[in-house]
Amino acid sequence: SMPGMSGTEVLAQLQSLEPSVRVAILTGFIDDNPA
């Protein structure tokens, strides 16, 4: 959860640059986003 570009939008951008990018999400929320 960030202003401007959300974490899911950043994740999509990173995956478009490198499909095998290793990412861990830091969150204070419970999110069942399929992405």
PDB file of all heavy atoms in Angstrom:
ATOM      1  N   SER A   1       0.839  -1.201   0.000  1.00  0.00           N
ATOM      2  CA  SER A   1       0.000   0.000   0.000  1.00  0.00           C
ATOM      3  C   SER A   1       0.872   1.248   0.000  1.00  0.00           C
ATOM      4  O   SER A   1       1.441   1.619   1.026  1.00  0.00           O
ATOM      5  CB  SER A   1      -0.898  -0.019   1.239  1.00  0.00           C
ATOM      6  OG  SER A   1      -1.689   1.135   1.282  1.00  0.00           O
ATOM      7  N   MET A   2       0.970   1.881  -1.171  1.00  0.00           N
ATOM      8  CA  MET A   2       1.757   3.108  -1.308  1.00  0.00           C
ATOM      9  C   MET A   2       0.963   4.106  -2.137  1.00  0.00           C
ATOM     10  O   MET A   2       0.201   3.712  -3.015  1.00  0.00           O
ATOM     11  CB  MET A   2       3.093   2.822  -2.022  1.00  0.00           C
ATOM     12  CG  MET A   2       4.021   1.910  -1.284  1.00  0.00           C
ATOM     13  SD  MET A   2       5.611   1.689  -2.127  1.00  0.00           S
ATOM     14  CE  MET A   2       5.139   0.703  -3.552  1.00  0.00           C
ATOM     15  N   PRO A   3       1.145   5.391  -1.878  1.00  0.00           N
ATOM     16  CA  PRO A   3       0.487   6.399  -2.718  1.00  0.00           C
ATOM     17  C   PRO A   3       1.116   6.409  -4.108  1.00  0.00           C
ATOM     18  O   PRO A   3       2.263   5.983  -4.285  1.00  0.00           O
ATOM     19  CB  PRO A   3       0.761   7.715  -1.983  1.00  0.00           C
ATOM     20  CG  PRO A   3       1.957   7.446  -1.138  1.00  0.00           C
ATOM     21  CD  PRO A   3       1.948   5.979  -0.816  1.00  0.00           C
ATOM     22  N   GLY A   4       0.366   6.873  -5.069  1.00  0.00           N
ATOM     23  CA  GLY A   4       0.880   6.916  -6.441  1.00  0.00           C
ATOM     24  C   GLY A   4       0.770   5.544  -7.072  1.00  0.00           C
ATOM     25  O   GLY A   4      -0.305   5.089  -7.409  1.00  0.00           O
ATOM     26  N   MET A   5       1.879   4.867  -7.190  1.00  0.00           N
ATOM     27  CA  MET A   5       1.920   3.529  -7.788  1.00  0.00           C
ATOM     28  C   MET A   5       1.810   2.490  -6.677  1.00  0.00           C
ATOM     29  O   MET A   5       2.666   2.421  -5.800  1.00  0.00           O
ATOM     30  CB  MET A   5       3.231   3.360  -8.568  1.00  0.00           C
ATOM     31  CG  MET A   5       3.361   2.042  -9.278  1.00  0.00           C
ATOM     32  SD  MET A   5       4.956   1.890 -10.140  1.00  0.00           S
ATOM     33  CE  MET A   5       4.497   2.468 -11.754  1.00  0.00           C
ATOM     34  N   SER A   6       0.756   1.689  -6.707  1.00  0.00           N
ATOM     35  CA  SER A   6       0.549   0.682  -5.661  1.00  0.00           C
ATOM     36  C   SER A   6       1.552  -0.465  -5.790  1.00  0.00           C
ATOM     37  O   SER A   6       2.201  -0.630  -6.822  1.00  0.00           O
ATOM     38  CB  SER A   6      -0.869   0.103  -5.756  1.00  0.00           C
ATOM     39  OG  SER A   6      -0.967  -0.757  -6.884  1.00  0.00           O
ATOM     40  N   GLY A   7       1.638  -1.254  -4.750  1.00  0.00           N
ATOM     41  CA  GLY A   7       2.527  -2.410  -4.772  1.00  0.00           C
ATOM     42  C   GLY A   7       2.191  -3.394  -5.890  1.00  0.00           C
ATOM     43  O   GLY A   7       3.090  -3.939  -6.519  1.00  0.00           O
ATOM     44  N   THR A   8       0.903  -3.605  -6.152  1.00  0.00           N
ATOM     45  CA  THR A   8       0.537  -4.522  -7.237  1.00  0.00           C
ATOM     46  C   THR A   8       0.939  -3.953  -8.601  1.00  0.00           C
ATOM     47  O   THR A   8       1.345  -4.702  -9.477  1.00  0.00           O
ATOM     48  CB  THR A   8      -0.969  -4.868  -7.215  1.00  0.00           C
ATOM     49  OG1 THR A   8      -1.740  -3.673  -7.118  1.00  0.00           O
ATOM     50  CG2 THR A   8      -1.306  -5.779  -6.055  1.00  0.00           C
ATOM     51  N   GLU A   9       0.852  -2.633  -8.752  1.00  0.00           N
ATOM     52  CA  GLU A   9       1.299  -2.012 -10.005  1.00  0.00           C
ATOM     53  C   GLU A   9       2.820  -2.124 -10.150  1.00  0.00           C
ATOM     54  O   GLU A   9       3.326  -2.403 -11.239  1.00  0.00           O
ATOM     55  CB  GLU A   9       0.875  -0.545 -10.063  1.00  0.00           C
ATOM     56  CG  GLU A   9      -0.625  -0.359 -10.186  1.00  0.00           C
ATOM     57  CD  GLU A   9      -1.060   1.084  -9.997  1.00  0.00           C
ATOM     58  OE1 GLU A   9      -0.544   1.771  -9.082  1.00  0.00           O
ATOM     59  OE2 GLU A   9      -1.923   1.532 -10.773  1.00  0.00           O
ATOM     60  N   VAL A  10       3.542  -1.918  -9.046  1.00  0.00           N
ATOM     61  CA  VAL A  10       4.995  -2.065  -9.074  1.00  0.00           C
ATOM     62  C   VAL A  10       5.363  -3.509  -9.409  1.00  0.00           C
ATOM     63  O   VAL A  10       6.227  -3.758 -10.252  1.00  0.00           O
ATOM     64  CB  VAL A  10       5.629  -1.662  -7.719  1.00  0.00           C
ATOM     65  CG1 VAL A  10       7.122  -1.959  -7.704  1.00  0.00           C
ATOM     66  CG2 VAL A  10       5.371  -0.194  -7.424  1.00  0.00           C
ATOM     67  N   LEU A  11       4.688  -4.459  -8.779  1.00  0.00           N
ATOM     68  CA  LEU A  11       4.939  -5.876  -9.051  1.00  0.00           C
ATOM     69  C   LEU A  11       4.768  -6.187 -10.539  1.00  0.00           C
ATOM     70  O   LEU A  11       5.612  -6.845 -11.149  1.00  0.00           O
ATOM     71  CB  LEU A  11       4.013  -6.749  -8.208  1.00  0.00           C
ATOM     72  CG  LEU A  11       4.123  -8.253  -8.429  1.00  0.00           C
ATOM     73  CD1 LEU A  11       5.513  -8.763  -8.075  1.00  0.00           C
ATOM     74  CD2 LEU A  11       3.054  -8.980  -7.624  1.00  0.00           C
ATOM     75  N   ALA A  12       3.701  -5.690 -11.131  1.00  0.00           N
ATOM     76  CA  ALA A  12       3.457  -5.922 -12.563  1.00  0.00           C
ATOM     77  C   ALA A  12       4.586  -5.335 -13.413  1.00  0.00           C
ATOM     78  O   ALA A  12       5.048  -5.971 -14.373  1.00  0.00           O
ATOM     79  CB  ALA A  12       2.112  -5.331 -12.973  1.00  0.00           C
ATOM     80  N   GLN A  13       5.042  -4.134 -13.059  1.00  0.00           N
ATOM     81  CA  GLN A  13       6.147  -3.503 -13.796  1.00  0.00           C
ATOM     82  C   GLN A  13       7.431  -4.321 -13.666  1.00  0.00           C
ATOM     83  O   GLN A  13       8.143  -4.537 -14.636  1.00  0.00           O
ATOM     84  CB  GLN A  13       6.395  -2.091 -13.264  1.00  0.00           C
ATOM     85  CG  GLN A  13       5.322  -1.098 -13.612  1.00  0.00           C
ATOM     86  CD  GLN A  13       5.497  -0.554 -15.012  1.00  0.00           C
ATOM     87  OE1 GLN A  13       6.605  -0.419 -15.507  1.00  0.00           O
ATOM     88  NE2 GLN A  13       4.392  -0.248 -15.647  1.00  0.00           N
ATOM     89  N   LEU A  14       7.728  -4.759 -12.425  1.00  0.00           N
ATOM     90  CA  LEU A  14       8.944  -5.551 -12.202  1.00  0.00           C
ATOM     91  C   LEU A  14       8.885  -6.856 -12.978  1.00  0.00           C
ATOM     92  O   LEU A  14       9.870  -7.272 -13.587  1.00  0.00           O
ATOM     93  CB  LEU A  14       9.146  -5.823 -10.705  1.00  0.00           C
ATOM     94  CG  LEU A  14       9.397  -4.614  -9.812  1.00  0.00           C
ATOM     95  CD1 LEU A  14       9.492  -5.046  -8.358  1.00  0.00           C
ATOM     96  CD2 LEU A  14      10.633  -3.846 -10.242  1.00  0.00           C
ATOM     97  N   GLN A  15       7.718  -7.512 -12.958  1.00  0.00           N
ATOM     98  CA  GLN A  15       7.567  -8.778 -13.677  1.00  0.00           C
ATOM     99  C   GLN A  15       7.644  -8.586 -15.185  1.00  0.00           C
ATOM    100  O   GLN A  15       8.075  -9.488 -15.896  1.00  0.00           O
ATOM    101  CB  GLN A  15       6.266  -9.468 -13.282  1.00  0.00           C
ATOM    102  CG  GLN A  15       6.310 -10.008 -11.871  1.00  0.00           C
ATOM    103  CD  GLN A  15       4.984 -10.566 -11.391  1.00  0.00           C
ATOM    104  OE1 GLN A  15       3.912 -10.079 -11.765  1.00  0.00           O
ATOM    105  NE2 GLN A  15       5.053 -11.573 -10.537  1.00  0.00           N
ATOM    106  N   SER A  16       7.256  -7.408 -15.680  1.00  0.00           N
ATOM    107  CA  SER A  16       7.402  -7.155 -17.124  1.00  0.00           C
ATOM    108  C   SER A  16       8.871  -6.960 -17.486  1.00  0.00           C
ATOM    109  O   SER A  16       9.287  -7.299 -18.594  1.00  0.00           O
ATOM    110  CB  SER A  16       6.559  -5.956 -17.561  1.00  0.00           C
ATOM    111  OG  SER A  16       7.137  -4.749 -17.125  1.00  0.00           O
ATOM    112  N   LEU A  17       9.657  -6.432 -16.547  1.00  0.00           N
ATOM    113  CA  LEU A  17      11.094  -6.265 -16.783  1.00  0.00           C
ATOM    114  C   LEU A  17      11.835  -7.597 -16.625  1.00  0.00           C
ATOM    115  O   LEU A  17      12.782  -7.872 -17.356  1.00  0.00           O
ATOM    116  CB  LEU A  17      11.684  -5.243 -15.806  1.00  0.00           C
ATOM    117  CG  LEU A  17      11.211  -3.812 -15.963  1.00  0.00           C
ATOM    118  CD1 LEU A  17      11.656  -2.963 -14.778  1.00  0.00           C
ATOM    119  CD2 LEU A  17      11.725  -3.218 -17.266  1.00  0.00           C
ATOM    120  N   GLU A  18      11.423  -8.386 -15.628  1.00  0.00           N
ATOM    121  CA  GLU A  18      12.070  -9.676 -15.341  1.00  0.00           C
ATOM    122  C   GLU A  18      11.021 -10.633 -14.767  1.00  0.00           C
ATOM    123  O   GLU A  18      10.698 -10.565 -13.583  1.00  0.00           O
ATOM    124  CB  GLU A  18      13.215  -9.490 -14.326  1.00  0.00           C
ATOM    125  CG  GLU A  18      13.872 -10.775 -13.893  1.00  0.00           C
ATOM    126  CD  GLU A  18      14.364 -11.606 -15.061  1.00  0.00           C
ATOM    127  OE1 GLU A  18      15.223 -11.134 -15.827  1.00  0.00           O
ATOM    128  OE2 GLU A  18      13.872 -12.744 -15.219  1.00  0.00           O
ATOM    129  N   PRO A  19      10.476 -11.521 -15.625  1.00  0.00           N
ATOM    130  CA  PRO A  19       9.403 -12.417 -15.176  1.00  0.00           C
ATOM    131  C   PRO A  19       9.762 -13.268 -13.952  1.00  0.00           C
ATOM    132  O   PRO A  19       8.885 -13.629 -13.180  1.00  0.00           O
ATOM    133  CB  PRO A  19       9.131 -13.295 -16.398  1.00  0.00           C
ATOM    134  CG  PRO A  19       9.586 -12.462 -17.557  1.00  0.00           C
ATOM    135  CD  PRO A  19      10.762 -11.664 -17.046  1.00  0.00           C
ATOM    136  N   SER A  20      11.035 -13.555 -13.756  1.00  0.00           N
ATOM    137  CA  SER A  20      11.420 -14.408 -12.632  1.00  0.00           C
ATOM    138  C   SER A  20      11.890 -13.614 -11.409  1.00  0.00           C
ATOM    139  O   SER A  20      12.506 -14.183 -10.502  1.00  0.00           O
ATOM    140  CB  SER A  20      12.509 -15.386 -13.069  1.00  0.00           C
ATOM    141  OG  SER A  20      13.683 -14.675 -13.424  1.00  0.00           O
ATOM    142  N   VAL A  21      11.583 -12.317 -11.354  1.00  0.00           N
ATOM    143  CA  VAL A  21      11.986 -11.487 -10.217  1.00  0.00           C
ATOM    144  C   VAL A  21      11.446 -12.094  -8.918  1.00  0.00           C
ATOM    145  O   VAL A  21      10.316 -12.548  -8.856  1.00  0.00           O
ATOM    146  CB  VAL A  21      11.504 -10.024 -10.388  1.00  0.00           C
ATOM    147  CG1 VAL A  21       9.991  -9.926 -10.442  1.00  0.00           C
ATOM    148  CG2 VAL A  21      12.063  -9.134  -9.286  1.00  0.00           C
ATOM    149  N   ARG A  22      12.305 -12.131  -7.889  1.00  0.00           N
ATOM    150  CA  ARG A  22      11.880 -12.633  -6.576  1.00  0.00           C
ATOM    151  C   ARG A  22      11.395 -11.453  -5.753  1.00  0.00           C
ATOM    152  O   ARG A  22      12.130 -10.488  -5.541  1.00  0.00           O
ATOM    153  CB  ARG A  22      13.034 -13.325  -5.856  1.00  0.00           C
ATOM    154  CG  ARG A  22      13.298 -14.713  -6.396  1.00  0.00           C
ATOM    155  CD  ARG A  22      14.330 -15.391  -5.542  1.00  0.00           C
ATOM    156  NE  ARG A  22      15.615 -15.210  -6.215  1.00  0.00           N
ATOM    157  CZ  ARG A  22      16.718 -15.857  -5.907  1.00  0.00           C
ATOM    158  NH1 ARG A  22      16.732 -16.707  -4.905  1.00  0.00           N
ATOM    159  NH2 ARG A  22      17.831 -15.657  -6.565  1.00  0.00           N
ATOM    160  N   VAL A  23      10.137 -11.563  -5.289  1.00  0.00           N
ATOM    161  CA  VAL A  23       9.499 -10.474  -4.557  1.00  0.00           C
ATOM    162  C   VAL A  23       8.817 -11.035  -3.319  1.00  0.00           C
ATOM    163  O   VAL A  23       8.209 -12.106  -3.372  1.00  0.00           O
ATOM    164  CB  VAL A  23       8.440  -9.761  -5.435  1.00  0.00           C
ATOM    165  CG1 VAL A  23       7.708  -8.685  -4.648  1.00  0.00           C
ATOM    166  CG2 VAL A  23       9.076  -9.174  -6.683  1.00  0.00           C
ATOM    167  N   ALA A  24       8.904 -10.292  -2.225  1.00  0.00           N
ATOM    168  CA  ALA A  24       8.098 -10.548  -1.037  1.00  0.00           C
ATOM    169  C   ALA A  24       7.330  -9.262  -0.744  1.00  0.00           C
ATOM    170  O   ALA A  24       7.889  -8.172  -0.818  1.00  0.00           O
ATOM    171  CB  ALA A  24       8.964 -10.937   0.152  1.00  0.00           C
ATOM    172  N   ILE A  25       6.060  -9.409  -0.452  1.00  0.00           N
ATOM    173  CA  ILE A  25       5.197  -8.266  -0.174  1.00  0.00           C
ATOM    174  C   ILE A  25       5.180  -7.998   1.326  1.00  0.00           C
ATOM    175  O   ILE A  25       4.983  -8.914   2.131  1.00  0.00           O
ATOM    176  CB  ILE A  25       3.754  -8.539  -0.668  1.00  0.00           C
ATOM    177  CG1 ILE A  25       3.714  -8.762  -2.180  1.00  0.00           C
ATOM    178  CG2 ILE A  25       2.808  -7.425  -0.239  1.00  0.00           C
ATOM    179  CD1 ILE A  25       3.995  -7.558  -3.028  1.00  0.00           C
ATOM    180  N   LEU A  26       5.373  -6.730   1.683  1.00  0.00           N
ATOM    181  CA  LEU A  26       5.254  -6.272   3.065  1.00  0.00           C
ATOM    182  C   LEU A  26       3.901  -5.585   3.177  1.00  0.00           C
ATOM    183  O   LEU A  26       3.614  -4.659   2.414  1.00  0.00           O
ATOM    184  CB  LEU A  26       6.350  -5.249   3.385  1.00  0.00           C
ATOM    185  CG  LEU A  26       7.785  -5.637   3.051  1.00  0.00           C
ATOM    186  CD1 LEU A  26       8.702  -4.443   3.202  1.00  0.00           C
ATOM    187  CD2 LEU A  26       8.232  -6.768   3.942  1.00  0.00           C
ATOM    188  N   THR A  27       3.065  -6.039   4.107  1.00  0.00           N
ATOM    189  CA  THR A  27       1.742  -5.441   4.188  1.00  0.00           C
ATOM    190  C   THR A  27       1.199  -5.451   5.600  1.00  0.00           C
ATOM    191  O   THR A  27       1.513  -6.354   6.377  1.00  0.00           O
ATOM    192  CB  THR A  27       0.748  -6.146   3.235  1.00  0.00           C
ATOM    193  OG1 THR A  27      -0.504  -5.481   3.276  1.00  0.00           O
ATOM    194  CG2 THR A  27       0.572  -7.611   3.584  1.00  0.00           C
ATOM    195  N   GLY A  28       0.419  -4.462   5.892  1.00  0.00           N
ATOM    196  CA  GLY A  28      -0.307  -4.410   7.149  1.00  0.00           C
ATOM    197  C   GLY A  28      -1.743  -4.855   6.961  1.00  0.00           C
ATOM    198  O   GLY A  28      -2.537  -4.833   7.878  1.00  0.00           O
ATOM    199  N   PHE A  29      -2.072  -5.265   5.741  1.00  0.00           N
ATOM    200  CA  PHE A  29      -3.443  -5.632   5.390  1.00  0.00           C
ATOM    201  C   PHE A  29      -3.509  -7.087   4.965  1.00  0.00           C
ATOM    202  O   PHE A  29      -2.528  -7.662   4.512  1.00  0.00           O
ATOM    203  CB  PHE A  29      -3.956  -4.762   4.226  1.00  0.00           C
ATOM    204  CG  PHE A  29      -3.859  -3.295   4.505  1.00  0.00           C
ATOM    205  CD1 PHE A  29      -2.803  -2.545   4.000  1.00  0.00           C
ATOM    206  CD2 PHE A  29      -4.807  -2.667   5.287  1.00  0.00           C
ATOM    207  CE1 PHE A  29      -2.706  -1.188   4.272  1.00  0.00           C
ATOM    208  CE2 PHE A  29      -4.713  -1.307   5.562  1.00  0.00           C
ATOM    209  CZ  PHE A  29      -3.658  -0.570   5.044  1.00  0.00           C
ATOM    210  N   ILE A  30      -4.685  -7.660   5.083  1.00  0.00           N
ATOM    211  CA  ILE A  30      -4.943  -8.986   4.521  1.00  0.00           C
ATOM    212  C   ILE A  30      -5.496  -8.733   3.126  1.00  0.00           C
ATOM    213  O   ILE A  30      -6.458  -8.010   2.948  1.00  0.00           O
ATOM    214  CB  ILE A  30      -5.990  -9.762   5.358  1.00  0.00           C
ATOM    215  CG1 ILE A  30      -5.525  -9.890   6.803  1.00  0.00           C
ATOM    216  CG2 ILE A  30      -6.278 -11.114   4.734  1.00  0.00           C
ATOM    217  CD1 ILE A  30      -4.229 -10.635   6.999  1.00  0.00           C
ATOM    218  N   ASP A  31      -4.856  -9.312   2.137  1.00  0.00           N
ATOM    219  CA  ASP A  31      -5.256  -9.056   0.753  1.00  0.00           C
ATOM    220  C   ASP A  31      -5.350 -10.386   0.027  1.00  0.00           C
ATOM    221  O   ASP A  31      -4.393 -11.143  -0.009  1.00  0.00           O
ATOM    222  CB  ASP A  31      -4.224  -8.158   0.074  1.00  0.00           C
ATOM    223  CG  ASP A  31      -4.732  -7.557  -1.221  1.00  0.00           C
ATOM    224  OD1 ASP A  31      -5.471  -8.251  -1.951  1.00  0.00           O
ATOM    225  OD2 ASP A  31      -4.395  -6.401  -1.507  1.00  0.00           O
ATOM    226  N   ASP A  32      -6.512 -10.655  -0.559  1.00  0.00           N
ATOM    227  CA  ASP A  32      -6.674 -11.896  -1.318  1.00  0.00           C
ATOM    228  C   ASP A  32      -6.655 -11.624  -2.816  1.00  0.00           C
ATOM    229  O   ASP A  32      -7.298 -12.299  -3.595  1.00  0.00           O
ATOM    230  CB  ASP A  32      -7.938 -12.639  -0.895  1.00  0.00           C
ATOM    231  CG  ASP A  32      -9.207 -11.834  -1.120  1.00  0.00           C
ATOM    232  OD1 ASP A  32      -9.111 -10.656  -1.507  1.00  0.00           O
ATOM    233  OD2 ASP A  32     -10.296 -12.390  -0.902  1.00  0.00           O
ATOM    234  N   ASN A  33      -5.863 -10.634  -3.211  1.00  0.00           N
ATOM    235  CA  ASN A  33      -5.701 -10.271  -4.610  1.00  0.00           C
ATOM    236  C   ASN A  33      -5.112 -11.453  -5.381  1.00  0.00           C
ATOM    237  O   ASN A  33      -4.041 -11.937  -5.034  1.00  0.00           O
ATOM    238  CB  ASN A  33      -4.775  -9.050  -4.688  1.00  0.00           C
ATOM    239  CG  ASN A  33      -4.617  -8.518  -6.086  1.00  0.00           C
ATOM    240  OD1 ASN A  33      -4.648  -9.264  -7.055  1.00  0.00           O
ATOM    241  ND2 ASN A  33      -4.416  -7.230  -6.184  1.00  0.00           N
ATOM    242  N   PRO A  34      -5.783 -11.944  -6.431  1.00  0.00           N
ATOM    243  CA  PRO A  34      -5.264 -13.079  -7.189  1.00  0.00           C
ATOM    244  C   PRO A  34      -3.881 -12.820  -7.802  1.00  0.00           C
ATOM    245  O   PRO A  34      -3.108 -13.754  -8.009  1.00  0.00           O
ATOM    246  CB  PRO A  34      -6.297 -13.298  -8.299  1.00  0.00           C
ATOM    247  CG  PRO A  34      -7.461 -12.445  -7.963  1.00  0.00           C
ATOM    248  CD  PRO A  34      -7.056 -11.459  -6.928  1.00  0.00           C
ATOM    249  N   ALA A  35      -3.540 -11.558  -8.055  1.00  0.00           N
ATOM    250  CA  ALA A  35      -2.220 -11.239  -8.616  1.00  0.00           C
ATOM    251  C   ALA A  35      -1.106 -11.574  -7.629  1.00  0.00           C
ATOM    252  O   ALA A  35       0.046 -11.696  -8.014  1.00  0.00           O
ATOM    253  CB  ALA A  35      -2.157  -9.757  -8.992  1.00  0.00           C
TER     254      ALA A  35
END
